[in-house]
Amino acid sequence: MLTHLKRLWTEEDGQGMVEYGLILALVAVVVIGALSFLGDNVAGIFEHITDEVGDETGEDFGGDGNDDG
């Protein structure tokens, strides 16, 4: 039993996958934080882009968020 626990403690199989998982989780937290912090600015930029494209093409892309058809 003691040798089994010692081998389990020193074995490094799967360590790389755990590290990749932790890095992926950290990246996800950073992206969510950045989008939360910059979300309104990004939405404003896309709204400005759609307004400019609409002005050039003569189309009205809306922007009130309602899908009235």
C-alpha atoms as a PDB file:
ATOM      1  CA  MET A   1       0.000   0.000   0.000  1.00  0.00           C
ATOM      2  CA  LEU A   2       2.806   2.401   0.904  1.00  0.00           C
ATOM      3  CA  THR A   3       4.649   1.702  -2.351  1.00  0.00           C
ATOM      4  CA  HIS A   4       1.457   2.338  -4.305  1.00  0.00           C
ATOM      5  CA  LEU A   5       0.978   5.725  -2.611  1.00  0.00           C
ATOM      6  CA  LYS A   6       4.641   6.622  -3.130  1.00  0.00           C
ATOM      7  CA  ARG A   7       4.406   5.765  -6.839  1.00  0.00           C
ATOM      8  CA  LEU A   8       1.165   7.756  -7.152  1.00  0.00           C
ATOM      9  CA  TRP A   9       2.823  10.771  -5.497  1.00  0.00           C
ATOM     10  CA  THR A  10       5.960  10.731  -7.695  1.00  0.00           C
ATOM     11  CA  GLU A  11       4.345   9.726 -10.985  1.00  0.00           C
ATOM     12  CA  GLU A  12       4.142  12.575 -13.502  1.00  0.00           C
ATOM     13  CA  ASP A  13       1.828  11.097 -16.131  1.00  0.00           C
ATOM     14  CA  GLY A  14      -0.878  13.584 -17.083  1.00  0.00           C
ATOM     15  CA  GLN A  15       0.956  16.530 -15.588  1.00  0.00           C
ATOM     16  CA  GLY A  16       1.170  18.282 -18.970  1.00  0.00           C
ATOM     17  CA  MET A  17      -2.577  18.074 -19.509  1.00  0.00           C
ATOM     18  CA  VAL A  18      -3.229  19.607 -16.097  1.00  0.00           C
ATOM     19  CA  GLU A  19      -0.861  22.458 -16.915  1.00  0.00           C
ATOM     20  CA  TYR A  20      -2.594  23.057 -20.256  1.00  0.00           C
ATOM     21  CA  GLY A  21      -5.943  23.054 -18.484  1.00  0.00           C
ATOM     22  CA  LEU A  22      -4.744  25.631 -15.959  1.00  0.00           C
ATOM     23  CA  ILE A  23      -3.339  27.840 -18.717  1.00  0.00           C
ATOM     24  CA  LEU A  24      -6.611  27.568 -20.653  1.00  0.00           C
ATOM     25  CA  ALA A  25      -8.582  28.510 -17.539  1.00  0.00           C
ATOM     26  CA  LEU A  26      -6.310  31.513 -16.940  1.00  0.00           C
ATOM     27  CA  VAL A  27      -6.726  32.682 -20.541  1.00  0.00           C
ATOM     28  CA  ALA A  28     -10.505  32.311 -20.250  1.00  0.00           C
ATOM     29  CA  VAL A  29     -10.551  34.410 -17.064  1.00  0.00           C
ATOM     30  CA  VAL A  30      -8.426  37.116 -18.709  1.00  0.00           C
ATOM     31  CA  VAL A  31     -10.650  37.208 -21.815  1.00  0.00           C
ATOM     32  CA  ILE A  32     -13.827  37.389 -19.733  1.00  0.00           C
ATOM     33  CA  GLY A  33     -12.316  40.158 -17.622  1.00  0.00           C
ATOM     34  CA  ALA A  34     -11.199  42.111 -20.672  1.00  0.00           C
ATOM     35  CA  LEU A  35     -14.602  41.808 -22.333  1.00  0.00           C
ATOM     36  CA  SER A  36     -16.338  42.852 -19.127  1.00  0.00           C
ATOM     37  CA  PHE A  37     -14.065  45.854 -18.808  1.00  0.00           C
ATOM     38  CA  LEU A  38     -14.119  46.846 -22.490  1.00  0.00           C
ATOM     39  CA  GLY A  39     -17.552  45.488 -23.447  1.00  0.00           C
ATOM     40  CA  ASP A  40     -19.273  48.842 -23.845  1.00  0.00           C
ATOM     41  CA  ASN A  41     -16.372  50.240 -25.867  1.00  0.00           C
ATOM     42  CA  VAL A  42     -16.361  47.222 -28.185  1.00  0.00           C
ATOM     43  CA  ALA A  43     -20.132  47.473 -28.643  1.00  0.00           C
ATOM     44  CA  GLY A  44     -19.765  51.173 -29.465  1.00  0.00           C
ATOM     45  CA  ILE A  45     -17.058  50.449 -32.020  1.00  0.00           C
ATOM     46  CA  PHE A  46     -19.203  47.841 -33.784  1.00  0.00           C
ATOM     47  CA  GLU A  47     -22.192  50.175 -33.711  1.00  0.00           C
ATOM     48  CA  HIS A  48     -20.070  52.900 -35.310  1.00  0.00           C
ATOM     49  CA  ILE A  49     -18.869  50.464 -37.984  1.00  0.00           C
ATOM     50  CA  THR A  50     -22.413  49.373 -38.858  1.00  0.00           C
ATOM     51  CA  ASP A  51     -23.516  53.004 -39.020  1.00  0.00           C
ATOM     52  CA  GLU A  52     -20.669  53.851 -41.401  1.00  0.00           C
ATOM     53  CA  VAL A  53     -21.343  50.817 -43.591  1.00  0.00           C
ATOM     54  CA  GLY A  54     -25.035  51.699 -43.618  1.00  0.00           C
ATOM     55  CA  ASP A  55     -24.226  55.277 -44.654  1.00  0.00           C
ATOM     56  CA  GLU A  56     -22.073  54.048 -47.540  1.00  0.00           C
ATOM     57  CA  THR A  57     -24.537  51.443 -48.798  1.00  0.00           C
ATOM     58  CA  GLY A  58     -27.746  53.286 -48.018  1.00  0.00           C
ATOM     59  CA  GLU A  59     -28.920  50.398 -45.845  1.00  0.00           C
ATOM     60  CA  ASP A  60     -30.361  50.788 -42.376  1.00  0.00           C
ATOM     61  CA  PHE A  61     -28.973  48.006 -40.212  1.00  0.00           C
ATOM     62  CA  GLY A  62     -31.041  49.005 -37.200  1.00  0.00           C
ATOM     63  CA  GLY A  63     -29.308  49.048 -33.890  1.00  0.00           C
ATOM     64  CA  ASP A  64     -32.078  49.029 -31.345  1.00  0.00           C
ATOM     65  CA  GLY A  65     -31.593  45.291 -30.786  1.00  0.00           C
ATOM     66  CA  ASN A  66     -35.213  44.412 -31.571  1.00  0.00           C
ATOM     67  CA  ASP A  67     -35.953  41.852 -34.234  1.00  0.00           C
ATOM     68  CA  ASP A  68     -39.251  43.220 -35.467  1.00  0.00           C
ATOM     69  CA  GLY A  69     -38.758  41.793 -38.939  1.00  0.00           C
END
